[in-house]
Amino acid sequence: MGSFSIWHWLIVLVIVLLLFGKGKISDVMGDMAKGVKSFKKGLADDDEPTAAKPVIDSKPSDVVSSNTDEKTRAS
């Protein structure tokens, strides 16, 4: 009872084929293969260098605040 013989596996295979049919199993396997391919493609896309992002020049907050202080003092 601990190990399955070839007859057990053949009976299980026949039952699976009767339930799902030959066409559905091949469709499921094809869909699974497409999913794996798209997953691998997604991983490969992450490794490629992306286009350079534009650098936004911003002034530090202390420079901006000192300019506003000078404007308020002049007013």
Protein backbone atom coordinates (compact mmCIF):
# COMPACT_ATOMS: atom_id res chain seq x y z
CA MET A 1 0.00 0.00 0.00
CA GLY A 2 2.96 2.32 0.53
CA SER A 3 4.09 2.47 -3.10
CA PHE A 4 2.05 2.78 -6.23
CA SER A 5 2.53 0.37 -9.09
CA ILE A 6 2.28 1.17 -12.77
CA TRP A 7 -1.35 -0.01 -12.73
CA HIS A 8 -2.29 2.59 -10.15
CA TRP A 9 -0.77 5.37 -12.25
CA LEU A 10 -2.47 4.09 -15.44
CA ILE A 11 -5.86 4.07 -13.72
CA VAL A 12 -5.31 7.61 -12.42
CA LEU A 13 -4.24 8.75 -15.90
CA VAL A 14 -7.35 7.24 -17.51
CA ILE A 15 -9.62 8.92 -14.93
CA VAL A 16 -7.93 12.30 -15.46
CA LEU A 17 -8.26 11.96 -19.24
CA LEU A 18 -11.93 11.03 -18.91
CA LEU A 19 -12.66 13.99 -16.63
CA PHE A 20 -10.73 16.69 -18.44
CA GLY A 21 -10.27 15.33 -21.95
CA LYS A 22 -7.13 15.33 -24.04
CA GLY A 23 -7.69 18.82 -25.46
CA LYS A 24 -8.15 20.57 -22.11
CA ILE A 25 -4.92 19.16 -20.67
CA SER A 26 -2.90 20.37 -23.67
CA ASP A 27 -4.61 23.79 -23.45
CA VAL A 28 -3.75 24.08 -19.76
CA MET A 29 -0.13 23.11 -20.39
CA GLY A 30 0.11 25.61 -23.27
CA ASP A 31 -1.29 28.37 -21.07
CA MET A 32 1.17 27.45 -18.33
CA ALA A 33 4.07 27.62 -20.81
CA LYS A 34 2.93 31.08 -21.97
CA GLY A 35 2.77 32.22 -18.36
CA VAL A 36 6.30 31.01 -17.66
CA LYS A 37 7.60 32.73 -20.80
CA SER A 38 5.98 36.03 -19.90
CA PHE A 39 7.33 35.75 -16.34
CA LYS A 40 10.86 35.20 -17.64
CA LYS A 41 10.44 38.11 -20.05
CA GLY A 42 9.31 40.33 -17.18
CA LEU A 43 12.38 39.39 -15.16
CA ALA A 44 14.65 40.10 -18.13
CA ASP A 45 13.02 43.51 -18.65
CA ASP A 46 13.86 44.49 -15.07
CA ASP A 47 17.55 43.75 -15.64
CA GLU A 48 17.84 46.03 -18.68
CA PRO A 49 18.98 49.58 -17.96
CA THR A 50 16.18 52.06 -18.20
CA ALA A 51 16.35 55.39 -19.99
CA ALA A 52 18.00 58.15 -18.00
CA LYS A 53 15.47 59.92 -15.85
CA PRO A 54 15.51 63.72 -15.99
CA VAL A 55 17.25 65.33 -13.06
CA ILE A 56 15.23 68.02 -11.34
CA ASP A 57 17.40 70.83 -10.06
CA SER A 58 16.11 71.96 -6.73
CA LYS A 59 17.59 74.28 -4.20
CA PRO A 60 18.10 73.17 -0.66
CA SER A 61 15.43 74.38 1.72
CA ASP A 62 17.84 76.67 3.63
CA VAL A 63 18.67 78.60 0.44
CA VAL A 64 15.00 79.00 -0.41
CA SER A 65 14.12 80.12 3.12
CA SER A 66 16.94 82.68 3.23
CA ASN A 67 15.72 84.21 -0.04
CA THR A 68 12.20 84.51 1.32
CA ASP A 69 13.51 86.06 4.56
CA GLU A 70 15.36 88.72 2.58
CA LYS A 71 12.22 89.52 0.56
CA THR A 72 10.11 89.87 3.70
CA ARG A 73 12.72 92.10 5.37
CA ALA A 74 12.91 94.36 2.31
CA SER A 75 9.15 94.86 2.28
